[in-house]
């Protein structure tokens, strides 16, 4: 266990959440830490617990209204056992490479691939807080874009059917060491990655690499007056006009310049593409933003597993999870 009581291994997790009743007790304690409060009438008191019904339903003894523990979370209206959801959230937030739907199905012993696929996407729907803070401020931010997608055959060279992804990452600096006796090969880099943002900019109202699309991405994700580092592409030329301190450098394909000017965002793009191909063997453009959300979510919370676990279940922020029909019809718009 870590100091906050979060299980750090699978045996510990099984001891903390051995069954659906333990999971329901955890949800109830998080939702009403001072005791059950009826959402309808506001009365505080011990609810009626159905002996033959699911442990996620509680009834107010005063107004007789039933309340579901999973309402307003990614588990809302689901018939899947709570323990399965908890195992799923634990796996997706603690395993660095993530999980494909097929791996997820096997790990949780689910009979249908579609169930695993839907659970994963519902968990991803809780990974974006619509009220999240802007990044940057006192930290410089590297901004760039890359194309994501598989090879195309028979259409010549180019980026046919590939999606353009814009990325922004904070550049944070480590405190200098108290002494310089550590051998140079063992010293940590002076800078490290802070918070990350990724967004698909293909298919928006503006052309993907236009100044309008790229400026909109920067404005939505980076605090005004932040230092923004980009390459020399003209699409970023108006960042000064909208309130940023813009540091641009024409790279012309020079890897040494790229390593000095935009090292972190290029590393993120490389790892992102490896993850999409290695774990998921490629993803469709329709669902790409959901996978980007998962990557960003796990990256930004890599030091806070308990926060990540609660957020993935939708406990930290109310989320409206997609239905199976919405996922396959294209009606669901993944938050970004």
C-alpha atoms as a PDB file:
ATOM      1  CA  UNK A   1       0.000   0.000   0.000  1.00  0.00           C
ATOM      2  CA  UNK A   2       1.124   3.554  -0.627  1.00  0.00           C
ATOM      3  CA  UNK A   3       0.742   6.133   2.222  1.00  0.00           C
ATOM      4  CA  UNK A   4      -2.759   7.103   1.001  1.00  0.00           C
ATOM      5  CA  UNK A   5      -4.014   3.522   1.140  1.00  0.00           C
ATOM      6  CA  UNK A   6      -4.056   2.838  -2.589  1.00  0.00           C
ATOM      7  CA  UNK A   7      -3.138  -0.767  -3.486  1.00  0.00           C
ATOM      8  CA  UNK A   8       0.128  -0.887  -5.426  1.00  0.00           C
ATOM      9  CA  UNK A   9      -0.027  -4.534  -6.492  1.00  0.00           C
ATOM     10  CA  UNK A  10      -2.660  -6.958  -7.776  1.00  0.00           C
ATOM     11  CA  UNK A  11      -2.761  -9.033  -4.535  1.00  0.00           C
ATOM     12  CA  UNK A  12      -3.310  -5.848  -2.500  1.00  0.00           C
ATOM     13  CA  UNK A  13      -6.014  -4.696  -4.890  1.00  0.00           C
ATOM     14  CA  UNK A  14      -7.800  -8.039  -4.530  1.00  0.00           C
ATOM     15  CA  UNK A  15      -7.686  -7.765  -0.726  1.00  0.00           C
ATOM     16  CA  UNK A  16      -9.127  -4.217  -0.784  1.00  0.00           C
ATOM     17  CA  UNK A  17     -11.848  -4.951  -3.391  1.00  0.00           C
ATOM     18  CA  UNK A  18     -12.611  -8.692  -3.109  1.00  0.00           C
ATOM     19  CA  UNK A  19     -16.255  -8.460  -4.276  1.00  0.00           C
ATOM     20  CA  UNK A  20     -19.064  -6.183  -5.439  1.00  0.00           C
ATOM     21  CA  UNK A  21     -20.052  -5.337  -1.856  1.00  0.00           C
ATOM     22  CA  UNK A  22     -16.581  -3.934  -1.097  1.00  0.00           C
ATOM     23  CA  UNK A  23     -16.692  -1.883  -4.299  1.00  0.00           C
ATOM     24  CA  UNK A  24     -20.153  -0.525  -3.429  1.00  0.00           C
ATOM     25  CA  UNK A  25     -18.954   0.391   0.069  1.00  0.00           C
ATOM     26  CA  UNK A  26     -16.037   2.304  -1.465  1.00  0.00           C
ATOM     27  CA  UNK A  27     -18.351   4.206  -3.832  1.00  0.00           C
ATOM     28  CA  UNK A  28     -20.724   5.090  -1.013  1.00  0.00           C
ATOM     29  CA  UNK A  29     -17.899   6.365   1.201  1.00  0.00           C
ATOM     30  CA  UNK A  30     -16.555   8.557  -1.600  1.00  0.00           C
ATOM     31  CA  UNK A  31     -19.944   9.968  -2.506  1.00  0.00           C
ATOM     32  CA  UNK A  32     -21.126  10.592   1.080  1.00  0.00           C
ATOM     33  CA  UNK A  33     -18.080  10.698   3.395  1.00  0.00           C
ATOM     34  CA  UNK A  34     -20.252  11.997   6.279  1.00  0.00           C
ATOM     35  CA  UNK A  35     -23.088   9.531   5.702  1.00  0.00           C
ATOM     36  CA  UNK A  36     -25.836   9.042   3.122  1.00  0.00           C
ATOM     37  CA  UNK A  37     -27.604  12.234   1.980  1.00  0.00           C
ATOM     38  CA  UNK A  38     -30.725  11.773  -0.124  1.00  0.00           C
ATOM     39  CA  UNK A  39     -30.295  13.680  -3.428  1.00  0.00           C
ATOM     40  CA  UNK A  40     -34.078  14.201  -3.555  1.00  0.00           C
ATOM     41  CA  UNK A  41     -35.059  15.484  -0.095  1.00  0.00           C
ATOM     42  CA  UNK A  42     -31.650  16.138   1.492  1.00  0.00           C
ATOM     43  CA  UNK A  43     -32.306  14.037   4.593  1.00  0.00           C
ATOM     44  CA  UNK A  44     -29.178  12.603   6.229  1.00  0.00           C
ATOM     45  CA  UNK A  45     -29.472   9.100   7.604  1.00  0.00           C
ATOM     46  CA  UNK A  46     -28.954   5.394   7.085  1.00  0.00           C
ATOM     47  CA  UNK A  47     -30.660   4.347   3.817  1.00  0.00           C
ATOM     48  CA  UNK A  48     -32.704   1.229   3.287  1.00  0.00           C
ATOM     49  CA  UNK A  49     -30.608  -1.497   1.673  1.00  0.00           C
ATOM     50  CA  UNK A  50     -32.383  -4.084  -0.446  1.00  0.00           C
ATOM     51  CA  UNK A  51     -31.454  -7.600   0.671  1.00  0.00           C
ATOM     52  CA  UNK A  52     -32.269  -9.165  -2.706  1.00  0.00           C
ATOM     53  CA  UNK A  53     -31.324  -6.355  -5.079  1.00  0.00           C
ATOM     54  CA  UNK A  54     -28.048  -4.929  -6.276  1.00  0.00           C
ATOM     55  CA  UNK A  55     -25.931  -3.272  -3.598  1.00  0.00           C
ATOM     56  CA  UNK A  56     -25.612  -0.180  -5.794  1.00  0.00           C
ATOM     57  CA  UNK A  57     -29.231   0.883  -5.120  1.00  0.00           C
ATOM     58  CA  UNK A  58     -30.083   2.710  -1.889  1.00  0.00           C
ATOM     59  CA  UNK A  59     -33.538   3.971  -0.798  1.00  0.00           C
ATOM     60  CA  UNK A  60     -34.192   7.030   1.320  1.00  0.00           C
ATOM     61  CA  UNK A  61     -36.311   6.070   4.340  1.00  0.00           C
ATOM     62  CA  UNK A  62     -38.039   9.473   4.297  1.00  0.00           C
ATOM     63  CA  UNK A  63     -39.098  10.104   0.693  1.00  0.00           C
ATOM     64  CA  UNK A  64     -38.739   6.495  -0.546  1.00  0.00           C
ATOM     65  CA  UNK A  65     -36.691   7.570  -3.592  1.00  0.00           C
ATOM     66  CA  UNK A  66     -34.085   5.133  -4.890  1.00  0.00           C
ATOM     67  CA  UNK A  67     -30.547   6.352  -5.571  1.00  0.00           C
ATOM     68  CA  UNK A  68     -27.936   4.534  -7.635  1.00  0.00           C
ATOM     69  CA  UNK A  69     -24.318   4.695  -6.530  1.00  0.00           C
ATOM     70  CA  UNK A  70     -23.183   4.627 -10.161  1.00  0.00           C
ATOM     71  CA  UNK A  71     -25.387   7.501 -11.393  1.00  0.00           C
ATOM     72  CA  UNK A  72     -23.262  10.209 -12.990  1.00  0.00           C
ATOM     73  CA  UNK A  73     -20.245   7.942 -13.406  1.00  0.00           C
ATOM     74  CA  UNK A  74     -18.882   5.923 -16.310  1.00  0.00           C
ATOM     75  CA  UNK A  75     -20.605   2.874 -14.788  1.00  0.00           C
ATOM     76  CA  UNK A  76     -24.083   4.391 -15.087  1.00  0.00           C
ATOM     77  CA  UNK A  77     -26.802   2.002 -16.352  1.00  0.00           C
ATOM     78  CA  UNK A  78     -24.296  -0.831 -16.697  1.00  0.00           C
ATOM     79  CA  UNK A  79     -25.187  -4.463 -15.932  1.00  0.00           C
ATOM     80  CA  UNK A  80     -21.508  -5.406 -15.578  1.00  0.00           C
ATOM     81  CA  UNK A  81     -20.516  -6.223 -11.957  1.00  0.00           C
ATOM     82  CA  UNK A  82     -18.831  -3.446 -10.008  1.00  0.00           C
ATOM     83  CA  UNK A  83     -15.804  -5.613  -9.339  1.00  0.00           C
ATOM     84  CA  UNK A  84     -15.226  -5.940 -13.097  1.00  0.00           C
ATOM     85  CA  UNK A  85     -15.334  -2.160 -13.492  1.00  0.00           C
ATOM     86  CA  UNK A  86     -12.903  -1.710 -10.614  1.00  0.00           C
ATOM     87  CA  UNK A  87     -10.470  -4.265 -12.037  1.00  0.00           C
ATOM     88  CA  UNK A  88     -10.742  -2.583 -15.433  1.00  0.00           C
ATOM     89  CA  UNK A  89     -10.051   0.880 -14.034  1.00  0.00           C
ATOM     90  CA  UNK A  90      -7.078  -0.467 -12.080  1.00  0.00           C
ATOM     91  CA  UNK A  91      -5.571  -2.152 -15.131  1.00  0.00           C
ATOM     92  CA  UNK A  92      -6.040   0.786 -17.485  1.00  0.00           C
ATOM     93  CA  UNK A  93      -4.564   3.319 -15.026  1.00  0.00           C
ATOM     94  CA  UNK A  94      -1.616   1.344 -13.656  1.00  0.00           C
ATOM     95  CA  UNK A  95      -0.272  -0.501 -16.687  1.00  0.00           C
ATOM     96  CA  UNK A  96       2.041   1.815 -18.606  1.00  0.00           C
ATOM     97  CA  UNK A  97       1.402   0.268 -22.065  1.00  0.00           C
ATOM     98  CA  UNK A  98      -2.359   0.307 -21.530  1.00  0.00           C
ATOM     99  CA  UNK A  99      -4.680  -2.456 -22.711  1.00  0.00           C
ATOM    100  CA  UNK A 100      -6.151  -3.421 -26.035  1.00  0.00           C
ATOM    101  CA  UNK A 101      -9.780  -4.538 -25.983  1.00  0.00           C
ATOM    102  CA  UNK A 102      -8.730  -8.124 -26.720  1.00  0.00           C
ATOM    103  CA  UNK A 103      -6.238  -8.135 -23.830  1.00  0.00           C
ATOM    104  CA  UNK A 104      -8.886  -6.539 -21.637  1.00  0.00           C
ATOM    105  CA  UNK A 105     -11.405  -9.248 -22.508  1.00  0.00           C
ATOM    106  CA  UNK A 106      -8.936 -11.993 -21.638  1.00  0.00           C
ATOM    107  CA  UNK A 107      -7.735 -10.378 -18.414  1.00  0.00           C
ATOM    108  CA  UNK A 108     -11.247  -9.857 -17.041  1.00  0.00           C
ATOM    109  CA  UNK A 109     -12.707 -13.105 -18.351  1.00  0.00           C
ATOM    110  CA  UNK A 110     -15.422 -11.403 -20.384  1.00  0.00           C
ATOM    111  CA  UNK A 111     -17.350 -13.588 -22.782  1.00  0.00           C
ATOM    112  CA  UNK A 112     -17.851 -10.946 -25.484  1.00  0.00           C
ATOM    113  CA  UNK A 113     -15.288  -8.690 -27.165  1.00  0.00           C
ATOM    114  CA  UNK A 114     -17.940  -5.999 -27.562  1.00  0.00           C
ATOM    115  CA  UNK A 115     -18.380  -5.779 -23.778  1.00  0.00           C
ATOM    116  CA  UNK A 116     -14.650  -5.216 -23.283  1.00  0.00           C
ATOM    117  CA  UNK A 117     -14.587  -2.630 -26.069  1.00  0.00           C
ATOM    118  CA  UNK A 118     -17.496  -0.686 -24.615  1.00  0.00           C
ATOM    119  CA  UNK A 119     -16.110  -0.740 -21.051  1.00  0.00           C
ATOM    120  CA  UNK A 120     -12.788   0.623 -22.273  1.00  0.00           C
ATOM    121  CA  UNK A 121     -14.447   3.457 -24.168  1.00  0.00           C
ATOM    122  CA  UNK A 122     -16.686   4.286 -21.221  1.00  0.00           C
ATOM    123  CA  UNK A 123     -13.619   4.475 -18.993  1.00  0.00           C
ATOM    124  CA  UNK A 124     -11.956   6.743 -21.539  1.00  0.00           C
ATOM    125  CA  UNK A 125     -15.024   9.017 -21.495  1.00  0.00           C
ATOM    126  CA  UNK A 126     -14.254   9.821 -17.843  1.00  0.00           C
ATOM    127  CA  UNK A 127     -10.652  10.745 -18.562  1.00  0.00           C
ATOM    128  CA  UNK A 128     -11.245  14.331 -19.667  1.00  0.00           C
ATOM    129  CA  UNK A 129     -12.262  16.927 -17.126  1.00  0.00           C
ATOM    130  CA  UNK A 130     -14.094  19.726 -18.989  1.00  0.00           C
ATOM    131  CA  UNK A 131     -12.945  22.165 -16.289  1.00  0.00           C
ATOM    132  CA  UNK A 132      -9.262  21.213 -16.383  1.00  0.00           C
ATOM    133  CA  UNK A 133      -6.639  23.942 -16.015  1.00  0.00           C
ATOM    134  CA  UNK A 134      -4.717  25.451 -18.883  1.00  0.00           C
ATOM    135  CA  UNK A 135      -1.088  24.372 -19.038  1.00  0.00           C
ATOM    136  CA  UNK A 136       1.918  26.652 -19.226  1.00  0.00           C
ATOM    137  CA  UNK A 137       1.921  29.812 -17.146  1.00  0.00           C
ATOM    138  CA  UNK A 138       5.312  29.848 -15.460  1.00  0.00           C
ATOM    139  CA  UNK A 139       6.473  26.902 -17.579  1.00  0.00           C
ATOM    140  CA  UNK A 140       7.436  27.139 -21.262  1.00  0.00           C
ATOM    141  CA  UNK A 141       5.358  24.945 -23.586  1.00  0.00           C
ATOM    142  CA  UNK A 142       6.534  23.059 -26.663  1.00  0.00           C
ATOM    143  CA  UNK A 143       3.928  22.850 -29.448  1.00  0.00           C
ATOM    144  CA  UNK A 144       4.078  20.814 -32.639  1.00  0.00           C
ATOM    145  CA  UNK A 145       1.954  18.531 -34.790  1.00  0.00           C
ATOM    146  CA  UNK A 146       2.356  15.099 -36.362  1.00  0.00           C
ATOM    147  CA  UNK A 147       0.454  12.796 -38.684  1.00  0.00           C
ATOM    148  CA  UNK A 148      -0.959   9.577 -37.228  1.00  0.00           C
ATOM    149  CA  UNK A 149      -2.123   6.637 -39.310  1.00  0.00           C
ATOM    150  CA  UNK A 150      -1.077   3.531 -41.168  1.00  0.00           C
ATOM    151  CA  UNK A 151       0.426   3.114 -44.580  1.00  0.00           C
ATOM    152  CA  UNK A 152      -1.693   3.668 -47.670  1.00  0.00           C
ATOM    153  CA  UNK A 153      -1.282   1.588 -50.792  1.00  0.00           C
ATOM    154  CA  UNK A 154      -2.002   2.501 -54.369  1.00  0.00           C
ATOM    155  CA  UNK A 155      -2.396   6.241 -53.757  1.00  0.00           C
ATOM    156  CA  UNK A 156       1.203   7.380 -54.095  1.00  0.00           C
ATOM    157  CA  UNK A 157       3.325   9.150 -51.528  1.00  0.00           C
ATOM    158  CA  UNK A 158       1.814  11.510 -48.979  1.00  0.00           C
ATOM    159  CA  UNK A 159      -0.441  11.550 -45.936  1.00  0.00           C
ATOM    160  CA  UNK A 160      -3.635  10.146 -47.439  1.00  0.00           C
ATOM    161  CA  UNK A 161      -6.256   9.272 -44.810  1.00  0.00           C
ATOM    162  CA  UNK A 162      -3.871  10.151 -41.966  1.00  0.00           C
ATOM    163  CA  UNK A 163      -4.997  12.283 -39.027  1.00  0.00           C
ATOM    164  CA  UNK A 164      -3.155  15.398 -37.918  1.00  0.00           C
ATOM    165  CA  UNK A 165      -2.576  15.544 -34.155  1.00  0.00           C
ATOM    166  CA  UNK A 166      -1.481  18.722 -32.377  1.00  0.00           C
ATOM    167  CA  UNK A 167       0.438  18.405 -29.119  1.00  0.00           C
ATOM    168  CA  UNK A 168       1.570  20.718 -26.324  1.00  0.00           C
ATOM    169  CA  UNK A 169       3.761  19.825 -23.355  1.00  0.00           C
ATOM    170  CA  UNK A 170       5.154  21.817 -20.450  1.00  0.00           C
ATOM    171  CA  UNK A 171       8.916  22.054 -20.051  1.00  0.00           C
ATOM    172  CA  UNK A 172       9.791  21.894 -16.386  1.00  0.00           C
ATOM    173  CA  UNK A 173      13.277  22.318 -14.946  1.00  0.00           C
ATOM    174  CA  UNK A 174      14.789  20.298 -12.123  1.00  0.00           C
ATOM    175  CA  UNK A 175      16.405  22.024  -9.200  1.00  0.00           C
ATOM    176  CA  UNK A 176      20.199  22.041  -9.563  1.00  0.00           C
ATOM    177  CA  UNK A 177      21.987  19.322  -7.537  1.00  0.00           C
ATOM    178  CA  UNK A 178      23.460  20.287  -4.200  1.00  0.00           C
ATOM    179  CA  UNK A 179      26.846  19.146  -5.475  1.00  0.00           C
ATOM    180  CA  UNK A 180      28.296  18.145  -8.824  1.00  0.00           C
ATOM    181  CA  UNK A 181      30.079  14.987  -7.726  1.00  0.00           C
ATOM    182  CA  UNK A 182      27.613  12.716  -9.568  1.00  0.00           C
ATOM    183  CA  UNK A 183      29.248  11.334 -12.741  1.00  0.00           C
ATOM    184  CA  UNK A 184      27.900  13.027 -15.861  1.00  0.00           C
ATOM    185  CA  UNK A 185      26.438   9.822 -17.443  1.00  0.00           C
ATOM    186  CA  UNK A 186      24.288   9.256 -14.324  1.00  0.00           C
ATOM    187  CA  UNK A 187      22.974  12.791 -13.956  1.00  0.00           C
ATOM    188  CA  UNK A 188      19.335  13.376 -14.782  1.00  0.00           C
ATOM    189  CA  UNK A 189      18.417  15.759 -17.573  1.00  0.00           C
ATOM    190  CA  UNK A 190      17.956  19.302 -16.382  1.00  0.00           C
ATOM    191  CA  UNK A 191      14.433  19.441 -17.882  1.00  0.00           C
ATOM    192  CA  UNK A 192      11.533  17.024 -17.697  1.00  0.00           C
ATOM    193  CA  UNK A 193       7.990  16.765 -19.054  1.00  0.00           C
ATOM    194  CA  UNK A 194       5.119  18.439 -17.258  1.00  0.00           C
ATOM    195  CA  UNK A 195       1.466  18.286 -18.322  1.00  0.00           C
ATOM    196  CA  UNK A 196       0.527  17.163 -21.811  1.00  0.00           C
ATOM    197  CA  UNK A 197      -2.323  17.966 -24.214  1.00  0.00           C
ATOM    198  CA  UNK A 198      -3.115  16.170 -27.494  1.00  0.00           C
ATOM    199  CA  UNK A 199      -5.925  16.846 -29.942  1.00  0.00           C
ATOM    200  CA  UNK A 200      -6.957  15.636 -33.373  1.00  0.00           C
ATOM    201  CA  UNK A 201      -7.174  18.731 -35.584  1.00  0.00           C
ATOM    202  CA  UNK A 202      -8.174  16.904 -38.767  1.00  0.00           C
ATOM    203  CA  UNK A 203     -11.850  17.151 -39.611  1.00  0.00           C
ATOM    204  CA  UNK A 204     -12.447  20.415 -37.742  1.00  0.00           C
ATOM    205  CA  UNK A 205     -14.085  23.441 -39.353  1.00  0.00           C
ATOM    206  CA  UNK A 206     -10.721  24.935 -40.336  1.00  0.00           C
ATOM    207  CA  UNK A 207      -8.049  23.163 -42.452  1.00  0.00           C
ATOM    208  CA  UNK A 208      -5.810  21.065 -40.159  1.00  0.00           C
ATOM    209  CA  UNK A 209      -2.537  23.013 -40.509  1.00  0.00           C
ATOM    210  CA  UNK A 210      -4.122  26.444 -40.860  1.00  0.00           C
ATOM    211  CA  UNK A 211      -3.311  29.242 -38.451  1.00  0.00           C
ATOM    212  CA  UNK A 212      -6.949  29.187 -37.352  1.00  0.00           C
ATOM    213  CA  UNK A 213      -6.885  25.512 -36.330  1.00  0.00           C
ATOM    214  CA  UNK A 214      -3.470  25.632 -34.634  1.00  0.00           C
ATOM    215  CA  UNK A 215      -4.195  28.897 -32.819  1.00  0.00           C
ATOM    216  CA  UNK A 216      -7.500  27.460 -31.585  1.00  0.00           C
ATOM    217  CA  UNK A 217      -5.633  24.463 -30.146  1.00  0.00           C
ATOM    218  CA  UNK A 218      -3.140  26.738 -28.376  1.00  0.00           C
ATOM    219  CA  UNK A 219      -5.843  29.060 -27.023  1.00  0.00           C
ATOM    220  CA  UNK A 220      -7.912  26.163 -25.666  1.00  0.00           C
ATOM    221  CA  UNK A 221      -5.009  24.473 -23.898  1.00  0.00           C
ATOM    222  CA  UNK A 222      -2.290  26.982 -22.989  1.00  0.00           C
ATOM    223  CA  UNK A 223      -2.549  29.956 -20.627  1.00  0.00           C
ATOM    224  CA  UNK A 224      -2.103  33.408 -22.139  1.00  0.00           C
ATOM    225  CA  UNK A 225       1.315  35.082 -21.789  1.00  0.00           C
ATOM    226  CA  UNK A 226       3.033  31.685 -21.652  1.00  0.00           C
ATOM    227  CA  UNK A 227       6.234  31.062 -23.582  1.00  0.00           C
ATOM    228  CA  UNK A 228       5.285  28.883 -26.570  1.00  0.00           C
ATOM    229  CA  UNK A 229       8.048  27.171 -28.547  1.00  0.00           C
ATOM    230  CA  UNK A 230       7.298  25.986 -32.073  1.00  0.00           C
ATOM    231  CA  UNK A 231       9.066  25.325 -35.325  1.00  0.00           C
ATOM    232  CA  UNK A 232       9.092  27.976 -38.028  1.00  0.00           C
ATOM    233  CA  UNK A 233       5.803  26.941 -39.631  1.00  0.00           C
ATOM    234  CA  UNK A 234       3.725  29.959 -40.660  1.00  0.00           C
ATOM    235  CA  UNK A 235       0.595  28.532 -39.000  1.00  0.00           C
ATOM    236  CA  UNK A 236       1.957  29.685 -35.642  1.00  0.00           C
ATOM    237  CA  UNK A 237       2.856  33.190 -36.817  1.00  0.00           C
ATOM    238  CA  UNK A 238      -0.068  34.939 -35.094  1.00  0.00           C
ATOM    239  CA  UNK A 239       0.535  33.569 -31.566  1.00  0.00           C
ATOM    240  CA  UNK A 240       2.114  36.867 -30.489  1.00  0.00           C
ATOM    241  CA  UNK A 241      -1.015  38.711 -31.618  1.00  0.00           C
ATOM    242  CA  UNK A 242      -3.247  36.572 -29.372  1.00  0.00           C
ATOM    243  CA  UNK A 243      -1.155  37.039 -26.238  1.00  0.00           C
ATOM    244  CA  UNK A 244       1.709  34.519 -26.204  1.00  0.00           C
ATOM    245  CA  UNK A 245       5.476  34.903 -26.046  1.00  0.00           C
ATOM    246  CA  UNK A 246       6.362  33.000 -29.168  1.00  0.00           C
ATOM    247  CA  UNK A 247       9.775  31.388 -29.657  1.00  0.00           C
ATOM    248  CA  UNK A 248       9.973  29.981 -33.187  1.00  0.00           C
ATOM    249  CA  UNK A 249      12.922  28.268 -34.842  1.00  0.00           C
ATOM    250  CA  UNK A 250      13.114  27.047 -38.422  1.00  0.00           C
ATOM    251  CA  UNK A 251      14.314  23.438 -38.154  1.00  0.00           C
ATOM    252  CA  UNK A 252      14.515  22.431 -41.849  1.00  0.00           C
ATOM    253  CA  UNK A 253      14.742  18.781 -40.855  1.00  0.00           C
ATOM    254  CA  UNK A 254      17.872  19.286 -38.763  1.00  0.00           C
ATOM    255  CA  UNK A 255      17.700  16.681 -35.913  1.00  0.00           C
ATOM    256  CA  UNK A 256      20.197  18.584 -33.760  1.00  0.00           C
ATOM    257  CA  UNK A 257      18.066  21.745 -33.881  1.00  0.00           C
ATOM    258  CA  UNK A 258      14.928  19.722 -33.137  1.00  0.00           C
ATOM    259  CA  UNK A 259      16.591  18.045 -30.145  1.00  0.00           C
ATOM    260  CA  UNK A 260      17.581  21.410 -28.690  1.00  0.00           C
ATOM    261  CA  UNK A 261      14.370  23.328 -29.428  1.00  0.00           C
ATOM    262  CA  UNK A 262      11.514  20.760 -29.228  1.00  0.00           C
ATOM    263  CA  UNK A 263      12.920  17.644 -27.527  1.00  0.00           C
ATOM    264  CA  UNK A 264       9.938  16.711 -25.313  1.00  0.00           C
ATOM    265  CA  UNK A 265       7.051  16.967 -27.765  1.00  0.00           C
ATOM    266  CA  UNK A 266       8.974  14.991 -30.392  1.00  0.00           C
ATOM    267  CA  UNK A 267       9.641  12.271 -27.823  1.00  0.00           C
ATOM    268  CA  UNK A 268       5.930  12.221 -26.921  1.00  0.00           C
ATOM    269  CA  UNK A 269       4.921  11.823 -30.577  1.00  0.00           C
ATOM    270  CA  UNK A 270       7.404   8.970 -31.032  1.00  0.00           C
ATOM    271  CA  UNK A 271       6.127   7.138 -27.944  1.00  0.00           C
ATOM    272  CA  UNK A 272       2.506   7.809 -28.929  1.00  0.00           C
ATOM    273  CA  UNK A 273       2.901   6.236 -32.353  1.00  0.00           C
ATOM    274  CA  UNK A 274       4.736   3.249 -30.860  1.00  0.00           C
ATOM    275  CA  UNK A 275       1.890   2.772 -28.354  1.00  0.00           C
ATOM    276  CA  UNK A 276      -0.870   3.021 -30.960  1.00  0.00           C
ATOM    277  CA  UNK A 277       0.818   0.463 -33.208  1.00  0.00           C
ATOM    278  CA  UNK A 278       2.278  -1.796 -30.516  1.00  0.00           C
ATOM    279  CA  UNK A 279      -0.679  -2.066 -28.126  1.00  0.00           C
ATOM    280  CA  UNK A 280      -3.637  -1.371 -30.403  1.00  0.00           C
ATOM    281  CA  UNK A 281      -2.177  -2.227 -33.844  1.00  0.00           C
ATOM    282  CA  UNK A 282      -3.535   1.058 -35.153  1.00  0.00           C
ATOM    283  CA  UNK A 283      -6.839   2.816 -34.450  1.00  0.00           C
ATOM    284  CA  UNK A 284      -9.536   4.385 -36.594  1.00  0.00           C
ATOM    285  CA  UNK A 285      -9.711   8.146 -36.980  1.00  0.00           C
ATOM    286  CA  UNK A 286     -13.237   8.045 -35.585  1.00  0.00           C
ATOM    287  CA  UNK A 287     -11.975   6.906 -32.174  1.00  0.00           C
ATOM    288  CA  UNK A 288      -8.460   8.365 -32.267  1.00  0.00           C
ATOM    289  CA  UNK A 289      -9.302  11.219 -29.870  1.00  0.00           C
ATOM    290  CA  UNK A 290     -10.419   8.700 -27.234  1.00  0.00           C
ATOM    291  CA  UNK A 291      -7.046   6.966 -27.414  1.00  0.00           C
ATOM    292  CA  UNK A 292      -5.247  10.307 -27.231  1.00  0.00           C
ATOM    293  CA  UNK A 293      -7.290  11.105 -24.115  1.00  0.00           C
ATOM    294  CA  UNK A 294      -6.182   7.838 -22.532  1.00  0.00           C
ATOM    295  CA  UNK A 295      -2.531   8.494 -23.366  1.00  0.00           C
ATOM    296  CA  UNK A 296      -2.677  12.023 -21.938  1.00  0.00           C
ATOM    297  CA  UNK A 297      -4.602  10.854 -18.873  1.00  0.00           C
ATOM    298  CA  UNK A 298      -2.077   8.198 -17.925  1.00  0.00           C
ATOM    299  CA  UNK A 299       0.883  10.445 -18.766  1.00  0.00           C
ATOM    300  CA  UNK A 300      -0.311  13.348 -16.607  1.00  0.00           C
ATOM    301  CA  UNK A 301      -1.195  11.107 -13.661  1.00  0.00           C
ATOM    302  CA  UNK A 302       1.774   8.754 -13.760  1.00  0.00           C
ATOM    303  CA  UNK A 303       2.751   9.815 -10.238  1.00  0.00           C
ATOM    304  CA  UNK A 304      -0.807   9.784  -8.784  1.00  0.00           C
ATOM    305  CA  UNK A 305      -2.395   6.328  -9.224  1.00  0.00           C
ATOM    306  CA  UNK A 306      -5.261   6.869  -6.771  1.00  0.00           C
ATOM    307  CA  UNK A 307      -6.370  10.049  -8.521  1.00  0.00           C
ATOM    308  CA  UNK A 308      -6.166   8.247 -11.853  1.00  0.00           C
ATOM    309  CA  UNK A 309      -8.238   5.305 -10.590  1.00  0.00           C
ATOM    310  CA  UNK A 310     -11.056   7.509  -9.260  1.00  0.00           C
ATOM    311  CA  UNK A 311     -11.097   9.674 -12.386  1.00  0.00           C
ATOM    312  CA  UNK A 312     -11.278   6.706 -14.744  1.00  0.00           C
ATOM    313  CA  UNK A 313     -14.403   5.484 -12.945  1.00  0.00           C
ATOM    314  CA  UNK A 314     -15.935   8.929 -13.360  1.00  0.00           C
ATOM    315  CA  UNK A 315     -15.842   9.555  -9.600  1.00  0.00           C
ATOM    316  CA  UNK A 316     -13.908  12.800  -9.854  1.00  0.00           C
ATOM    317  CA  UNK A 317     -16.155  14.415 -12.463  1.00  0.00           C
ATOM    318  CA  UNK A 318     -19.642  13.659 -13.743  1.00  0.00           C
ATOM    319  CA  UNK A 319     -19.483  12.127 -17.187  1.00  0.00           C
ATOM    320  CA  UNK A 320     -22.097  10.896 -19.634  1.00  0.00           C
ATOM    321  CA  UNK A 321     -20.712   7.598 -20.957  1.00  0.00           C
ATOM    322  CA  UNK A 322     -21.454   6.564 -24.539  1.00  0.00           C
ATOM    323  CA  UNK A 323     -23.855   3.763 -25.299  1.00  0.00           C
ATOM    324  CA  UNK A 324     -22.912   0.815 -27.485  1.00  0.00           C
ATOM    325  CA  UNK A 325     -25.096   2.158 -30.305  1.00  0.00           C
ATOM    326  CA  UNK A 326     -23.473   5.611 -30.117  1.00  0.00           C
ATOM    327  CA  UNK A 327     -19.971   4.152 -30.323  1.00  0.00           C
ATOM    328  CA  UNK A 328     -20.722   2.194 -33.477  1.00  0.00           C
ATOM    329  CA  UNK A 329     -23.013   4.706 -35.190  1.00  0.00           C
ATOM    330  CA  UNK A 330     -20.554   7.585 -34.941  1.00  0.00           C
ATOM    331  CA  UNK A 331     -23.005   9.708 -32.960  1.00  0.00           C
ATOM    332  CA  UNK A 332     -20.678   9.891 -29.934  1.00  0.00           C
ATOM    333  CA  UNK A 333     -18.206  12.797 -29.980  1.00  0.00           C
ATOM    334  CA  UNK A 334     -15.180  12.055 -27.858  1.00  0.00           C
ATOM    335  CA  UNK A 335     -14.277  14.976 -25.563  1.00  0.00           C
ATOM    336  CA  UNK A 336     -10.952  16.676 -26.242  1.00  0.00           C
END
